[in-house]
Amino acid sequence: MTMLIEKIENPDIWQYVKELEKEMDLPENFTWGLYKSANDWLFIISLHAFLESMVTKVLEIQYDEATFKTIYKLPLNGRTSKLGLIADSHNLPKTYIKFATQLSDLRNKCAHDITFFNFSLKEHLDNNPKELSIFVNNMELSIKDGIMAPDGNTYSQKNFIKNFPNEAILLGIIVWLGTLRLIISQEDLLKKNKEQDEKRIRLINELFQENFGFFNR
């Protein structure tokens, strides 16, 4: 087993992904299982659905019910989109949007053309140089120069993405889902603190009424 795979399987790396899988009632090791399935069609469509579901969940937490009903109708990508709202409100780097947009493009190809069911992502990209170039430029999220690949060799960022597109997607998904998990934790903490503050104010008001209510007689 290579160092890259060992790193990916490390429980610390998977912590946030596993938490989200559990929250969404997905099977244990759902994301890893998709990577190991050797079905690129299923891999792309399922990971895209997972990402979109978590983006929607974050927005539902961030906004009140009335606002969320409007936001829910927005597309995932685009100038005014769900991803745009999250990226702007949390100052996410452009590499996040580029990655998600690329994944959406691949998902649309797979979802709208059943002939992609048994396709190989690497072979498809190798046979379409223009598409490969776009893919490489959009998949920079989490990939650094000198990264060790499944074959045990180290690669530059671009060469890794060219030679290991599935791994580039997997690593990018881990970064995206981990970031969303942190955002959810932050929003939950803010909400909890707000509820605690409201509870303190309510208790103070009750104590005031008990002890000084006679002023209101």
N, C-alpha and C. Protein backbone atom coordinates (compact mmCIF):
# COMPACT_ATOMS: atom_id res chain seq x y z
N MET A 1 0.85 -1.19 0.00
CA MET A 1 0.00 0.00 0.00
C MET A 1 0.89 1.24 0.00
N THR A 2 0.56 2.20 -0.83
CA THR A 2 1.41 3.38 -0.99
C THR A 2 1.18 4.39 0.12
N MET A 3 2.12 5.33 0.22
CA MET A 3 2.02 6.35 1.26
C MET A 3 0.79 7.23 1.08
N LEU A 4 0.43 7.51 -0.18
CA LEU A 4 -0.75 8.34 -0.41
C LEU A 4 -2.00 7.66 0.11
N ILE A 5 -2.16 6.39 -0.23
CA ILE A 5 -3.34 5.66 0.21
C ILE A 5 -3.35 5.54 1.72
N GLU A 6 -2.18 5.31 2.33
CA GLU A 6 -2.11 5.25 3.79
C GLU A 6 -2.54 6.57 4.40
N LYS A 7 -2.12 7.66 3.76
CA LYS A 7 -2.48 8.98 4.28
C LYS A 7 -3.98 9.20 4.17
N ILE A 8 -4.56 8.80 3.03
CA ILE A 8 -5.99 8.99 2.83
C ILE A 8 -6.79 8.16 3.83
N GLU A 9 -6.28 6.96 4.15
CA GLU A 9 -7.01 6.08 5.06
C GLU A 9 -6.81 6.46 6.53
N ASN A 10 -5.90 7.37 6.79
CA ASN A 10 -5.63 7.80 8.16
C ASN A 10 -6.92 8.33 8.80
N PRO A 11 -7.29 7.81 9.97
CA PRO A 11 -8.54 8.25 10.63
C PRO A 11 -8.62 9.75 10.83
N ASP A 12 -7.48 10.41 11.10
CA ASP A 12 -7.49 11.85 11.31
C ASP A 12 -7.92 12.60 10.06
N ILE A 13 -7.47 12.10 8.89
CA ILE A 13 -7.83 12.73 7.63
C ILE A 13 -9.32 12.58 7.37
N TRP A 14 -9.85 11.45 7.77
CA TRP A 14 -11.25 11.13 7.45
C TRP A 14 -12.24 11.58 8.51
N GLN A 15 -11.76 12.15 9.58
CA GLN A 15 -12.64 12.46 10.72
C GLN A 15 -13.89 13.22 10.32
N TYR A 16 -13.69 14.35 9.64
CA TYR A 16 -14.83 15.19 9.29
C TYR A 16 -15.73 14.53 8.26
N VAL A 17 -15.12 13.83 7.30
CA VAL A 17 -15.91 13.16 6.27
C VAL A 17 -16.80 12.09 6.91
N LYS A 18 -16.23 11.33 7.82
CA LYS A 18 -16.99 10.28 8.50
C LYS A 18 -18.14 10.87 9.32
N GLU A 19 -17.89 12.01 9.95
CA GLU A 19 -18.95 12.66 10.72
C GLU A 19 -20.11 13.07 9.82
N LEU A 20 -19.78 13.61 8.66
CA LEU A 20 -20.83 14.03 7.72
C LEU A 20 -21.57 12.82 7.15
N GLU A 21 -20.84 11.75 6.86
CA GLU A 21 -21.48 10.53 6.36
C GLU A 21 -22.51 10.04 7.37
N LYS A 22 -22.14 10.07 8.64
CA LYS A 22 -23.04 9.61 9.69
C LYS A 22 -24.24 10.53 9.81
N GLU A 23 -24.02 11.83 9.75
CA GLU A 23 -25.11 12.80 9.86
C GLU A 23 -26.11 12.66 8.72
N MET A 24 -25.63 12.28 7.55
CA MET A 24 -26.50 12.14 6.37
C MET A 24 -27.03 10.72 6.21
N ASP A 25 -26.82 9.88 7.23
CA ASP A 25 -27.29 8.48 7.22
C ASP A 25 -26.75 7.70 6.02
N LEU A 26 -25.52 7.98 5.66
CA LEU A 26 -24.86 7.26 4.58
C LEU A 26 -24.16 6.02 5.15
N PRO A 27 -23.92 5.02 4.32
CA PRO A 27 -23.20 3.83 4.81
C PRO A 27 -21.80 4.19 5.31
N GLU A 28 -21.31 3.43 6.26
CA GLU A 28 -19.96 3.67 6.77
C GLU A 28 -18.94 3.54 5.63
N ASN A 29 -17.97 4.44 5.62
CA ASN A 29 -16.94 4.47 4.57
C ASN A 29 -17.53 4.68 3.17
N PHE A 30 -18.61 5.44 3.11
CA PHE A 30 -19.29 5.72 1.84
C PHE A 30 -18.34 6.33 0.82
N THR A 31 -17.62 7.38 1.21
CA THR A 31 -16.74 8.09 0.28
C THR A 31 -15.59 7.20 -0.18
N TRP A 32 -14.97 6.53 0.77
CA TRP A 32 -13.85 5.64 0.43
C TRP A 32 -14.32 4.50 -0.46
N GLY A 33 -15.50 3.99 -0.18
CA GLY A 33 -16.05 2.90 -0.97
C GLY A 33 -16.28 3.31 -2.42
N LEU A 34 -16.70 4.55 -2.63
CA LEU A 34 -16.90 5.04 -4.00
C LEU A 34 -15.56 5.08 -4.74
N TYR A 35 -14.53 5.53 -4.05
CA TYR A 35 -13.20 5.60 -4.66
C TYR A 35 -12.71 4.20 -5.05
N LYS A 36 -12.98 3.23 -4.20
CA LYS A 36 -12.50 1.86 -4.43
C LYS A 36 -13.40 1.08 -5.39
N SER A 37 -14.54 1.62 -5.75
CA SER A 37 -15.51 0.87 -6.55
C SER A 37 -15.07 0.65 -7.99
N ALA A 38 -14.14 1.47 -8.48
CA ALA A 38 -13.65 1.37 -9.86
C ALA A 38 -14.72 1.72 -10.88
N ASN A 39 -15.82 2.35 -10.43
CA ASN A 39 -16.86 2.83 -11.34
C ASN A 39 -16.83 4.35 -11.31
N ASP A 40 -16.20 4.95 -12.30
CA ASP A 40 -16.01 6.40 -12.29
C ASP A 40 -17.32 7.16 -12.41
N TRP A 41 -18.28 6.57 -13.11
CA TRP A 41 -19.61 7.19 -13.27
C TRP A 41 -20.26 7.34 -11.89
N LEU A 42 -20.27 6.26 -11.13
CA LEU A 42 -20.86 6.27 -9.79
C LEU A 42 -20.06 7.17 -8.85
N PHE A 43 -18.76 7.11 -8.96
CA PHE A 43 -17.84 7.91 -8.14
C PHE A 43 -18.14 9.40 -8.29
N ILE A 44 -18.26 9.88 -9.50
CA ILE A 44 -18.47 11.30 -9.77
C ILE A 44 -19.86 11.76 -9.38
N ILE A 45 -20.89 11.03 -9.80
CA ILE A 45 -22.26 11.43 -9.51
C ILE A 45 -22.53 11.41 -8.00
N SER A 46 -22.06 10.40 -7.32
CA SER A 46 -22.34 10.26 -5.88
C SER A 46 -21.60 11.31 -5.06
N LEU A 47 -20.33 11.56 -5.37
CA LEU A 47 -19.58 12.57 -4.62
C LEU A 47 -20.15 13.96 -4.86
N HIS A 48 -20.60 14.21 -6.08
CA HIS A 48 -21.22 15.51 -6.37
C HIS A 48 -22.50 15.68 -5.56
N ALA A 49 -23.30 14.62 -5.49
CA ALA A 49 -24.55 14.67 -4.71
C ALA A 49 -24.26 14.90 -3.23
N PHE A 50 -23.22 14.26 -2.72
CA PHE A 50 -22.81 14.42 -1.33
C PHE A 50 -22.41 15.87 -1.07
N LEU A 51 -21.58 16.43 -1.96
CA LEU A 51 -21.13 17.81 -1.80
C LEU A 51 -22.31 18.78 -1.85
N GLU A 52 -23.19 18.60 -2.82
CA GLU A 52 -24.34 19.51 -2.96
C GLU A 52 -25.25 19.43 -1.74
N SER A 53 -25.46 18.24 -1.22
CA SER A 53 -26.31 18.06 -0.03
C SER A 53 -25.73 18.79 1.17
N MET A 54 -24.39 18.71 1.34
CA MET A 54 -23.76 19.36 2.47
C MET A 54 -23.74 20.89 2.32
N VAL A 55 -23.58 21.36 1.10
CA VAL A 55 -23.64 22.81 0.85
C VAL A 55 -25.03 23.33 1.23
N THR A 56 -26.05 22.60 0.82
CA THR A 56 -27.43 22.99 1.14
C THR A 56 -27.67 22.96 2.65
N LYS A 57 -27.11 21.96 3.32
CA LYS A 57 -27.26 21.85 4.77
C LYS A 57 -26.65 23.05 5.49
N VAL A 58 -25.48 23.47 5.04
CA VAL A 58 -24.81 24.63 5.64
C VAL A 58 -25.66 25.88 5.47
N LEU A 59 -26.20 26.07 4.28
CA LEU A 59 -27.03 27.26 4.02
C LEU A 59 -28.30 27.24 4.86
N GLU A 60 -28.84 26.04 5.06
CA GLU A 60 -30.05 25.93 5.89
C GLU A 60 -29.76 26.33 7.33
N ILE A 61 -28.57 26.02 7.79
CA ILE A 61 -28.17 26.40 9.15
C ILE A 61 -27.91 27.91 9.24
N GLN A 62 -27.34 28.47 8.19
CA GLN A 62 -26.91 29.87 8.22
C GLN A 62 -28.07 30.86 8.14
N TYR A 63 -29.13 30.50 7.41
CA TYR A 63 -30.19 31.46 7.13
C TYR A 63 -31.51 31.07 7.78
N ASP A 64 -32.37 32.08 7.99
CA ASP A 64 -33.70 31.81 8.54
C ASP A 64 -34.54 31.08 7.50
N GLU A 65 -35.66 30.54 7.94
CA GLU A 65 -36.47 29.67 7.08
C GLU A 65 -36.94 30.36 5.81
N ALA A 66 -37.41 31.59 5.95
CA ALA A 66 -37.93 32.32 4.79
C ALA A 66 -36.84 32.58 3.76
N THR A 67 -35.67 33.00 4.22
CA THR A 67 -34.54 33.26 3.31
C THR A 67 -34.06 31.98 2.66
N PHE A 68 -34.00 30.91 3.44
CA PHE A 68 -33.51 29.64 2.91
C PHE A 68 -34.41 29.11 1.80
N LYS A 69 -35.71 29.33 1.89
CA LYS A 69 -36.63 28.86 0.85
C LYS A 69 -36.28 29.48 -0.50
N THR A 70 -35.81 30.73 -0.48
CA THR A 70 -35.38 31.40 -1.71
C THR A 70 -34.03 30.87 -2.16
N ILE A 71 -33.11 30.74 -1.21
CA ILE A 71 -31.76 30.26 -1.52
C ILE A 71 -31.78 28.83 -2.05
N TYR A 72 -32.70 28.03 -1.54
CA TYR A 72 -32.79 26.61 -1.94
C TYR A 72 -32.99 26.45 -3.44
N LYS A 73 -33.64 27.45 -4.05
CA LYS A 73 -33.94 27.39 -5.48
C LYS A 73 -32.75 27.78 -6.35
N LEU A 74 -31.71 28.34 -5.74
CA LEU A 74 -30.54 28.76 -6.51
C LEU A 74 -29.78 27.56 -7.05
N PRO A 75 -29.11 27.73 -8.20
CA PRO A 75 -28.26 26.65 -8.70
C PRO A 75 -27.04 26.47 -7.81
N LEU A 76 -26.39 25.34 -7.93
CA LEU A 76 -25.20 25.09 -7.12
C LEU A 76 -24.05 26.00 -7.55
N ASN A 77 -23.89 26.17 -8.88
CA ASN A 77 -22.80 26.98 -9.42
C ASN A 77 -23.33 28.21 -10.13
N GLY A 78 -22.43 29.15 -10.38
CA GLY A 78 -22.82 30.34 -11.13
C GLY A 78 -22.56 31.61 -10.35
N ARG A 79 -22.86 32.75 -11.02
CA ARG A 79 -22.60 34.05 -10.39
C ARG A 79 -23.38 34.20 -9.10
N THR A 80 -24.69 33.88 -9.14
CA THR A 80 -25.52 33.89 -7.93
C THR A 80 -25.90 32.45 -7.65
N SER A 81 -25.22 31.83 -6.71
CA SER A 81 -25.39 30.39 -6.49
C SER A 81 -25.16 30.03 -5.03
N LYS A 82 -25.47 28.79 -4.70
CA LYS A 82 -25.25 28.30 -3.34
C LYS A 82 -23.77 28.32 -2.98
N LEU A 83 -22.95 27.85 -3.91
CA LEU A 83 -21.51 27.84 -3.66
C LEU A 83 -20.97 29.25 -3.49
N GLY A 84 -21.47 30.17 -4.30
CA GLY A 84 -21.03 31.56 -4.21
C GLY A 84 -21.34 32.16 -2.85
N LEU A 85 -22.52 31.87 -2.32
CA LEU A 85 -22.91 32.39 -1.01
C LEU A 85 -21.98 31.88 0.09
N ILE A 86 -21.69 30.59 0.05
CA ILE A 86 -20.81 30.01 1.07
C ILE A 86 -19.39 30.55 0.93
N ALA A 87 -18.90 30.62 -0.30
CA ALA A 87 -17.54 31.11 -0.53
C ALA A 87 -17.39 32.55 -0.06
N ASP A 88 -18.38 33.38 -0.35
CA ASP A 88 -18.32 34.79 0.04
C ASP A 88 -18.43 34.98 1.55
N SER A 89 -19.35 34.23 2.16
CA SER A 89 -19.59 34.42 3.61
C SER A 89 -18.46 33.85 4.46
N HIS A 90 -17.66 32.95 3.90
CA HIS A 90 -16.58 32.33 4.68
C HIS A 90 -15.20 32.55 4.05
N ASN A 91 -15.14 33.46 3.09
CA ASN A 91 -13.86 33.84 2.45
C ASN A 91 -13.06 32.64 1.95
N LEU A 92 -13.74 31.72 1.28
CA LEU A 92 -13.06 30.55 0.75
C LEU A 92 -12.25 30.93 -0.50
N PRO A 93 -11.07 30.36 -0.68
CA PRO A 93 -10.26 30.64 -1.87
C PRO A 93 -10.99 30.24 -3.16
N LYS A 94 -10.61 30.85 -4.27
CA LYS A 94 -11.24 30.55 -5.56
C LYS A 94 -11.05 29.09 -5.96
N THR A 95 -10.00 28.45 -5.45
CA THR A 95 -9.77 27.06 -5.81
C THR A 95 -10.93 26.16 -5.39
N TYR A 96 -11.66 26.54 -4.34
CA TYR A 96 -12.83 25.77 -3.91
C TYR A 96 -13.92 25.80 -4.98
N ILE A 97 -14.20 26.99 -5.49
CA ILE A 97 -15.24 27.15 -6.50
C ILE A 97 -14.83 26.46 -7.80
N LYS A 98 -13.58 26.61 -8.18
CA LYS A 98 -13.09 25.99 -9.42
C LYS A 98 -13.24 24.46 -9.34
N PHE A 99 -12.88 23.90 -8.20
CA PHE A 99 -12.99 22.45 -8.02
C PHE A 99 -14.45 22.02 -8.13
N ALA A 100 -15.34 22.68 -7.40
CA ALA A 100 -16.75 22.29 -7.38
C ALA A 100 -17.39 22.46 -8.76
N THR A 101 -17.01 23.52 -9.46
CA THR A 101 -17.55 23.75 -10.80
C THR A 101 -17.11 22.64 -11.75
N GLN A 102 -15.84 22.25 -11.65
CA GLN A 102 -15.33 21.16 -12.50
C GLN A 102 -16.04 19.85 -12.19
N LEU A 103 -16.25 19.58 -10.91
CA LEU A 103 -16.94 18.35 -10.53
C LEU A 103 -18.37 18.37 -11.07
N SER A 104 -19.02 19.54 -11.04
CA SER A 104 -20.38 19.67 -11.57
C SER A 104 -20.41 19.42 -13.07
N ASP A 105 -19.41 19.92 -13.78
CA ASP A 105 -19.34 19.69 -15.22
C ASP A 105 -19.23 18.20 -15.53
N LEU A 106 -18.39 17.50 -14.77
CA LEU A 106 -18.23 16.06 -14.97
C LEU A 106 -19.53 15.33 -14.61
N ARG A 107 -20.14 15.76 -13.54
CA ARG A 107 -21.41 15.14 -13.12
C ARG A 107 -22.46 15.29 -14.21
N ASN A 108 -22.54 16.46 -14.82
CA ASN A 108 -23.54 16.68 -15.87
C ASN A 108 -23.30 15.78 -17.08
N LYS A 109 -22.03 15.60 -17.42
CA LYS A 109 -21.70 14.69 -18.52
C LYS A 109 -22.19 13.27 -18.21
N CYS A 110 -21.93 12.83 -16.98
CA CYS A 110 -22.30 11.47 -16.58
C CYS A 110 -23.82 11.32 -16.47
N ALA A 111 -24.48 12.32 -15.91
CA ALA A 111 -25.92 12.22 -15.66
C ALA A 111 -26.75 12.30 -16.93
N HIS A 112 -26.25 12.98 -17.94
CA HIS A 112 -27.05 13.21 -19.15
C HIS A 112 -26.66 12.32 -20.32
N ASP A 113 -25.73 11.40 -20.09
CA ASP A 113 -25.32 10.50 -21.17
C ASP A 113 -24.98 9.13 -20.58
N ILE A 114 -25.89 8.19 -20.76
CA ILE A 114 -25.73 6.87 -20.13
C ILE A 114 -24.51 6.12 -20.68
N THR A 115 -24.00 6.54 -21.83
CA THR A 115 -22.82 5.86 -22.38
C THR A 115 -21.59 6.08 -21.51
N PHE A 116 -21.68 7.03 -20.58
CA PHE A 116 -20.57 7.28 -19.66
C PHE A 116 -20.56 6.28 -18.50
N PHE A 117 -21.56 5.39 -18.44
CA PHE A 117 -21.70 4.51 -17.28
C PHE A 117 -20.43 3.71 -16.99
N ASN A 118 -19.80 3.20 -18.02
CA ASN A 118 -18.59 2.38 -17.82
C ASN A 118 -17.32 3.11 -18.25
N PHE A 119 -17.38 4.44 -18.28
CA PHE A 119 -16.22 5.17 -18.80
C PHE A 119 -15.09 5.24 -17.76
N SER A 120 -13.89 5.44 -18.27
CA SER A 120 -12.72 5.68 -17.42
C SER A 120 -12.42 7.17 -17.48
N LEU A 121 -12.42 7.83 -16.36
CA LEU A 121 -12.17 9.27 -16.34
C LEU A 121 -10.81 9.60 -16.94
N LYS A 122 -9.79 8.84 -16.57
CA LYS A 122 -8.45 9.12 -17.09
C LYS A 122 -8.39 8.95 -18.60
N GLU A 123 -8.97 7.87 -19.11
CA GLU A 123 -8.97 7.65 -20.55
C GLU A 123 -9.74 8.75 -21.28
N HIS A 124 -10.85 9.16 -20.69
CA HIS A 124 -11.66 10.22 -21.29
C HIS A 124 -10.86 11.52 -21.39
N LEU A 125 -10.16 11.87 -20.31
CA LEU A 125 -9.37 13.10 -20.30
C LEU A 125 -8.17 12.99 -21.24
N ASP A 126 -7.54 11.84 -21.27
CA ASP A 126 -6.38 11.64 -22.16
C ASP A 126 -6.78 11.79 -23.62
N ASN A 127 -8.02 11.41 -23.93
CA ASN A 127 -8.50 11.50 -25.31
C ASN A 127 -9.09 12.87 -25.66
N ASN A 128 -9.14 13.75 -24.69
CA ASN A 128 -9.69 15.09 -24.92
C ASN A 128 -8.75 16.13 -24.30
N PRO A 129 -7.67 16.47 -25.01
CA PRO A 129 -6.62 17.35 -24.49
C PRO A 129 -7.14 18.69 -23.95
N LYS A 130 -8.10 19.30 -24.66
CA LYS A 130 -8.63 20.58 -24.21
C LYS A 130 -9.34 20.44 -22.87
N GLU A 131 -10.14 19.39 -22.76
CA GLU A 131 -10.86 19.12 -21.51
C GLU A 131 -9.88 18.78 -20.39
N LEU A 132 -8.81 18.06 -20.72
CA LEU A 132 -7.79 17.71 -19.74
C LEU A 132 -7.12 18.98 -19.19
N SER A 133 -6.82 19.92 -20.08
CA SER A 133 -6.18 21.16 -19.67
C SER A 133 -7.06 21.94 -18.69
N ILE A 134 -8.35 22.00 -18.98
CA ILE A 134 -9.30 22.69 -18.10
C ILE A 134 -9.38 21.97 -16.77
N PHE A 135 -9.45 20.64 -16.82
CA PHE A 135 -9.53 19.83 -15.61
C PHE A 135 -8.34 20.08 -14.70
N VAL A 136 -7.15 20.07 -15.27
CA VAL A 136 -5.91 20.27 -14.50
C VAL A 136 -5.92 21.64 -13.81
N ASN A 137 -6.36 22.67 -14.53
CA ASN A 137 -6.39 24.03 -13.97
C ASN A 137 -7.42 24.19 -12.87
N ASN A 138 -8.46 23.36 -12.89
CA ASN A 138 -9.54 23.49 -11.91
C ASN A 138 -9.39 22.57 -10.70
N MET A 139 -8.43 21.66 -10.75
CA MET A 139 -8.31 20.65 -9.70
C MET A 139 -7.16 20.92 -8.73
N GLU A 140 -6.77 22.16 -8.60
CA GLU A 140 -5.60 22.49 -7.77
C GLU A 140 -5.86 22.37 -6.28
N LEU A 141 -7.13 22.34 -5.89
CA LEU A 141 -7.47 22.27 -4.47
C LEU A 141 -6.84 21.05 -3.82
N SER A 142 -6.04 21.27 -2.79
CA SER A 142 -5.40 20.23 -1.95
C SER A 142 -4.19 19.56 -2.58
N ILE A 143 -3.90 19.83 -3.87
CA ILE A 143 -2.77 19.17 -4.52
C ILE A 143 -1.57 20.12 -4.56
N LYS A 144 -0.45 19.69 -3.99
CA LYS A 144 0.76 20.51 -3.94
C LYS A 144 1.88 19.81 -4.70
N ASP A 145 2.86 20.60 -5.15
CA ASP A 145 4.04 20.02 -5.80
C ASP A 145 4.74 19.07 -4.83
N GLY A 146 5.24 17.95 -5.36
CA GLY A 146 5.97 16.99 -4.54
C GLY A 146 5.09 15.98 -3.84
N ILE A 147 3.79 15.94 -4.21
CA ILE A 147 2.88 14.99 -3.58
C ILE A 147 3.21 13.58 -4.04
N MET A 148 3.12 12.63 -3.12
CA MET A 148 3.38 11.24 -3.48
C MET A 148 2.11 10.59 -4.00
N ALA A 149 2.23 9.90 -5.11
CA ALA A 149 1.08 9.28 -5.79
C ALA A 149 0.96 7.80 -5.44
N PRO A 150 -0.14 7.17 -5.86
CA PRO A 150 -0.32 5.73 -5.58
C PRO A 150 0.78 4.83 -6.13
N ASP A 151 1.53 5.31 -7.15
CA ASP A 151 2.61 4.47 -7.69
C ASP A 151 3.91 4.62 -6.90
N GLY A 152 3.87 5.42 -5.82
CA GLY A 152 5.05 5.58 -4.97
C GLY A 152 5.99 6.68 -5.40
N ASN A 153 5.71 7.32 -6.53
CA ASN A 153 6.56 8.41 -7.02
C ASN A 153 5.98 9.76 -6.63
N THR A 154 6.85 10.77 -6.62
CA THR A 154 6.38 12.13 -6.35
C THR A 154 6.19 12.87 -7.66
N TYR A 155 5.19 13.76 -7.68
CA TYR A 155 4.83 14.47 -8.90
C TYR A 155 4.66 15.96 -8.62
N SER A 156 4.78 16.74 -9.69
CA SER A 156 4.39 18.15 -9.59
C SER A 156 2.87 18.18 -9.50
N GLN A 157 2.35 19.32 -9.12
CA GLN A 157 0.90 19.45 -8.98
C GLN A 157 0.17 19.05 -10.26
N LYS A 158 0.55 19.64 -11.38
CA LYS A 158 -0.15 19.40 -12.64
C LYS A 158 0.00 17.97 -13.12
N ASN A 159 1.19 17.40 -12.99
CA ASN A 159 1.40 16.02 -13.44
C ASN A 159 0.64 15.01 -12.58
N PHE A 160 0.51 15.31 -11.30
CA PHE A 160 -0.28 14.44 -10.43
C PHE A 160 -1.73 14.43 -10.90
N ILE A 161 -2.29 15.62 -11.15
CA ILE A 161 -3.69 15.73 -11.57
C ILE A 161 -3.91 15.03 -12.91
N LYS A 162 -2.96 15.18 -13.82
CA LYS A 162 -3.07 14.53 -15.14
C LYS A 162 -3.07 13.01 -15.01
N ASN A 163 -2.18 12.48 -14.19
CA ASN A 163 -2.00 11.04 -14.09
C ASN A 163 -2.95 10.36 -13.11
N PHE A 164 -3.45 11.13 -12.14
CA PHE A 164 -4.31 10.55 -11.11
C PHE A 164 -5.54 11.43 -10.87
N PRO A 165 -6.40 11.55 -11.88
CA PRO A 165 -7.57 12.43 -11.77
C PRO A 165 -8.54 12.01 -10.67
N ASN A 166 -8.71 10.70 -10.47
CA ASN A 166 -9.62 10.24 -9.42
C ASN A 166 -9.12 10.62 -8.03
N GLU A 167 -7.81 10.47 -7.84
CA GLU A 167 -7.22 10.84 -6.55
C GLU A 167 -7.31 12.34 -6.32
N ALA A 168 -7.18 13.12 -7.40
CA ALA A 168 -7.30 14.58 -7.29
C ALA A 168 -8.71 14.95 -6.84
N ILE A 169 -9.70 14.26 -7.40
CA ILE A 169 -11.09 14.51 -7.00
C ILE A 169 -11.31 14.10 -5.55
N LEU A 170 -10.81 12.92 -5.18
CA LEU A 170 -10.99 12.42 -3.81
C LEU A 170 -10.39 13.38 -2.79
N LEU A 171 -9.15 13.82 -3.03
CA LEU A 171 -8.49 14.73 -2.09
C LEU A 171 -9.23 16.07 -2.02
N GLY A 172 -9.72 16.54 -3.17
CA GLY A 172 -10.47 17.79 -3.18
C GLY A 172 -11.78 17.69 -2.42
N ILE A 173 -12.45 16.55 -2.55
CA ILE A 173 -13.70 16.32 -1.82
C ILE A 173 -13.45 16.30 -0.31
N ILE A 174 -12.34 15.67 0.08
CA ILE A 174 -12.00 15.62 1.51
C ILE A 174 -11.82 17.04 2.06
N VAL A 175 -11.13 17.88 1.30
CA VAL A 175 -10.92 19.27 1.73
C VAL A 175 -12.25 20.01 1.80
N TRP A 176 -13.08 19.86 0.76
CA TRP A 176 -14.38 20.55 0.73
C TRP A 176 -15.26 20.10 1.90
N LEU A 177 -15.41 18.79 2.08
CA LEU A 177 -16.29 18.27 3.13
C LEU A 177 -15.75 18.62 4.51
N GLY A 178 -14.42 18.55 4.67
CA GLY A 178 -13.83 18.93 5.95
C GLY A 178 -14.10 20.39 6.28
N THR A 179 -14.01 21.25 5.27
CA THR A 179 -14.29 22.68 5.46
C THR A 179 -15.75 22.89 5.84
N LEU A 180 -16.65 22.19 5.16
CA LEU A 180 -18.08 22.33 5.47
C LEU A 180 -18.39 21.83 6.88
N ARG A 181 -17.69 20.77 7.30
CA ARG A 181 -17.89 20.25 8.66
C ARG A 181 -17.47 21.31 9.69
N LEU A 182 -16.36 21.99 9.43
CA LEU A 182 -15.90 23.05 10.33
C LEU A 182 -16.88 24.22 10.35
N ILE A 183 -17.43 24.56 9.19
CA ILE A 183 -18.41 25.65 9.12
C ILE A 183 -19.66 25.29 9.91
N ILE A 184 -20.12 24.05 9.77
CA ILE A 184 -21.30 23.61 10.52
C ILE A 184 -21.03 23.68 12.02
N SER A 185 -19.84 23.23 12.44
CA SER A 185 -19.48 23.29 13.86
C SER A 185 -19.47 24.72 14.36
N GLN A 186 -18.93 25.62 13.54
CA GLN A 186 -18.87 27.03 13.90
C GLN A 186 -20.28 27.62 14.03
N GLU A 187 -21.14 27.30 13.06
CA GLU A 187 -22.51 27.81 13.09
C GLU A 187 -23.27 27.25 14.29
N ASP A 188 -23.06 25.97 14.59
CA ASP A 188 -23.72 25.36 15.75
C ASP A 188 -23.27 26.03 17.04
N LEU A 189 -21.97 26.36 17.11
CA LEU A 189 -21.44 27.02 18.29
C LEU A 189 -22.03 28.41 18.45
N LEU A 190 -22.12 29.15 17.34
CA LEU A 190 -22.70 30.48 17.39
C LEU A 190 -24.16 30.43 17.81
N LYS A 191 -24.87 29.44 17.27
CA LYS A 191 -26.28 29.27 17.62
C LYS A 191 -26.42 28.90 19.09
N LYS A 192 -25.54 28.01 19.56
CA LYS A 192 -25.58 27.58 20.96
C LYS A 192 -25.29 28.76 21.87
N ASN A 193 -24.29 29.56 21.51
CA ASN A 193 -23.95 30.73 22.32
C ASN A 193 -25.10 31.74 22.35
N LYS A 194 -25.76 31.90 21.19
CA LYS A 194 -26.90 32.81 21.12
C LYS A 194 -28.03 32.33 22.02
N GLU A 195 -28.29 31.01 21.98
CA GLU A 195 -29.34 30.44 22.82
C GLU A 195 -28.99 30.59 24.29
N GLN A 196 -27.70 30.40 24.62
CA GLN A 196 -27.27 30.55 26.01
C GLN A 196 -27.43 32.00 26.47
N ASP A 197 -27.08 32.95 25.59
CA ASP A 197 -27.23 34.37 25.92
C ASP A 197 -28.69 34.72 26.12
N GLU A 198 -29.56 34.20 25.26
CA GLU A 198 -30.99 34.47 25.39
C GLU A 198 -31.54 33.88 26.68
N LYS A 199 -31.02 32.69 27.04
CA LYS A 199 -31.46 32.05 28.27
C LYS A 199 -31.02 32.88 29.48
N ARG A 200 -29.77 33.38 29.44
CA ARG A 200 -29.28 34.22 30.55
C ARG A 200 -30.14 35.47 30.70
N ILE A 201 -30.48 36.10 29.57
CA ILE A 201 -31.30 37.32 29.61
C ILE A 201 -32.68 37.00 30.17
N ARG A 202 -33.24 35.86 29.76
CA ARG A 202 -34.57 35.46 30.24
C ARG A 202 -34.54 35.21 31.75
N LEU A 203 -33.47 34.55 32.24
CA LEU A 203 -33.35 34.29 33.67
C LEU A 203 -33.19 35.59 34.47
N ILE A 204 -32.40 36.50 33.92
CA ILE A 204 -32.21 37.81 34.58
C ILE A 204 -33.53 38.55 34.68
N ASN A 205 -34.31 38.51 33.58
CA ASN A 205 -35.61 39.18 33.58
C ASN A 205 -36.55 38.55 34.60
N GLU A 206 -36.52 37.23 34.69
CA GLU A 206 -37.37 36.54 35.66
C GLU A 206 -36.98 36.88 37.08
N LEU A 207 -35.66 36.91 37.34
CA LEU A 207 -35.19 37.28 38.68
C LEU A 207 -35.57 38.72 39.01
N PHE A 208 -35.47 39.56 38.00
CA PHE A 208 -35.82 40.97 38.23
C PHE A 208 -37.30 41.09 38.61
N GLN A 209 -38.16 40.35 37.88
CA GLN A 209 -39.59 40.41 38.16
C GLN A 209 -39.89 39.86 39.55
N GLU A 210 -39.17 38.80 39.94
CA GLU A 210 -39.40 38.20 41.26
C GLU A 210 -39.00 39.15 42.38
N ASN A 211 -37.86 39.81 42.20
CA ASN A 211 -37.31 40.63 43.28
C ASN A 211 -37.77 42.09 43.26
N PHE A 212 -38.09 42.56 42.07
CA PHE A 212 -38.44 44.00 41.98
C PHE A 212 -39.78 44.22 41.30
N GLY A 213 -40.57 43.14 41.24
CA GLY A 213 -41.84 43.24 40.56
C GLY A 213 -42.80 44.23 41.23
N PHE A 214 -42.57 44.49 42.51
CA PHE A 214 -43.49 45.38 43.22
C PHE A 214 -43.47 46.80 42.63
N PHE A 215 -42.41 47.16 41.88
CA PHE A 215 -42.36 48.47 41.26
C PHE A 215 -43.40 48.60 40.15
N ASN A 216 -43.87 47.42 39.66
CA ASN A 216 -44.85 47.44 38.57
C ASN A 216 -46.28 47.35 39.07
N ARG A 217 -46.46 47.39 40.38
CA ARG A 217 -47.83 47.26 40.94
C ARG A 217 -48.62 48.56 40.70
